Amino acid sequence: MREIVFVVGSLVVLMLEKYVLANNSINWVGAIVPIISIGFILWLLISKQLGLDFLDILVSIMYISLNFIFWGQGNDLYHRRTVKRIAKQIYERV
């Protein structure tokens, strides 16, 4: 049951990261979730809730990597929206 809650919670956080936190003009807001995820994994390791076996380390690396990937994608969404808005303004002037 704990694994299901982790997966569902992770998906919700990743979607929040991509479409809300990283999809704005302030870059550091999107960095909050990846930094918290690193802290969360470190806390799990220190509190011995996460073992040092191959599968746990692999899942941890994938989780942290996905946080950074979604941060980049959200940032890219913002930049695409900005480029479209500027292009629209340029073409309306012509």
Protein backbone atom coordinates (compact mmCIF):
# COMPACT_ATOMS: atom_id res chain seq x y z
CA MET A 1 0.00 0.00 0.00
CA ARG A 2 2.87 2.36 0.83
CA GLU A 3 4.30 1.91 -2.67
CA ILE A 4 0.99 2.81 -4.31
CA VAL A 5 0.69 5.98 -2.24
CA PHE A 6 4.30 6.87 -3.18
CA VAL A 7 3.67 6.37 -6.91
CA VAL A 8 0.36 8.28 -6.95
CA GLY A 9 1.81 11.08 -4.82
CA SER A 10 4.87 11.27 -7.06
CA LEU A 11 2.73 11.56 -10.19
CA VAL A 12 0.65 14.34 -8.64
CA VAL A 13 3.78 16.22 -7.58
CA LEU A 14 5.36 15.79 -11.02
CA MET A 15 2.27 17.17 -12.77
CA LEU A 16 2.16 20.06 -10.29
CA GLU A 17 5.84 20.68 -11.00
CA LYS A 18 5.43 20.69 -14.77
CA TYR A 19 2.21 22.65 -15.22
CA VAL A 20 2.23 25.02 -12.23
CA LEU A 21 5.58 25.57 -10.51
CA ALA A 22 8.00 25.45 -13.44
CA ASN A 23 5.62 26.96 -15.98
CA ASN A 24 6.27 30.57 -15.01
CA SER A 25 8.86 33.29 -15.37
CA ILE A 26 10.53 32.63 -12.01
CA ASN A 27 12.96 29.74 -12.50
CA TRP A 28 13.75 29.05 -8.85
CA VAL A 29 10.11 28.26 -7.99
CA GLY A 30 10.34 25.15 -10.16
CA ALA A 31 13.53 24.12 -8.35
CA ILE A 32 11.70 23.69 -5.07
CA VAL A 33 10.32 20.22 -5.86
CA PRO A 34 13.61 18.67 -7.09
CA ILE A 35 15.44 20.00 -4.03
CA ILE A 36 12.73 18.70 -1.71
CA SER A 37 12.82 15.32 -3.47
CA ILE A 38 16.57 15.05 -2.90
CA GLY A 39 16.04 15.91 0.75
CA PHE A 40 13.21 13.37 0.97
CA ILE A 41 15.36 10.56 -0.46
CA LEU A 42 18.24 11.49 1.86
CA TRP A 43 15.86 11.48 4.84
CA LEU A 44 14.59 8.03 3.84
CA LEU A 45 18.17 6.76 3.64
CA ILE A 46 19.19 8.28 6.98
CA SER A 47 16.08 7.00 8.77
CA LYS A 48 16.70 3.51 7.36
CA GLN A 49 13.30 3.41 5.65
CA LEU A 50 15.07 3.02 2.34
CA GLY A 51 17.63 0.28 1.94
CA LEU A 52 20.89 0.43 0.05
CA ASP A 53 19.94 -2.37 -2.31
CA PHE A 54 19.99 -1.96 -6.08
CA LEU A 55 16.24 -1.57 -6.60
CA ASP A 56 15.81 1.15 -3.96
CA ILE A 57 18.76 3.14 -5.31
CA LEU A 58 17.48 2.75 -8.89
CA VAL A 59 14.00 3.97 -7.94
CA SER A 60 15.52 6.90 -6.02
CA ILE A 61 17.66 7.94 -8.97
CA MET A 62 14.71 7.64 -11.35
CA TYR A 63 12.51 9.69 -8.99
CA ILE A 64 15.03 12.50 -8.67
CA SER A 65 15.76 12.42 -12.42
CA LEU A 66 12.07 12.67 -13.26
CA ASN A 67 11.77 15.71 -11.00
CA PHE A 68 14.52 17.49 -12.91
CA ILE A 69 13.10 16.38 -16.28
CA PHE A 70 9.64 17.69 -15.43
CA TRP A 71 11.17 20.94 -14.17
CA GLY A 72 12.86 21.35 -17.55
CA GLN A 73 9.69 20.51 -19.44
CA GLY A 74 7.66 23.01 -17.45
CA ASN A 75 10.28 25.67 -18.07
CA ASP A 76 10.19 24.82 -21.78
CA LEU A 77 6.39 25.19 -21.80
CA TYR A 78 6.75 28.70 -20.38
CA HIS A 79 9.36 29.66 -22.97
CA ARG A 80 7.26 28.33 -25.85
CA ARG A 81 4.26 30.30 -24.62
CA THR A 82 6.40 33.43 -24.35
CA VAL A 83 7.82 33.00 -27.86
CA LYS A 84 4.32 32.53 -29.30
CA ARG A 85 3.10 35.66 -27.51
CA ILE A 86 6.02 37.74 -28.78
CA ALA A 87 5.64 36.38 -32.32
CA LYS A 88 1.96 37.23 -32.24
CA GLN A 89 2.76 40.79 -31.14
CA ILE A 90 5.33 41.17 -33.93
CA TYR A 91 2.98 39.89 -36.62
CA GLU A 92 0.11 42.08 -35.42
CA ARG A 93 2.29 45.18 -35.87
CA VAL A 94 3.09 44.34 -39.47
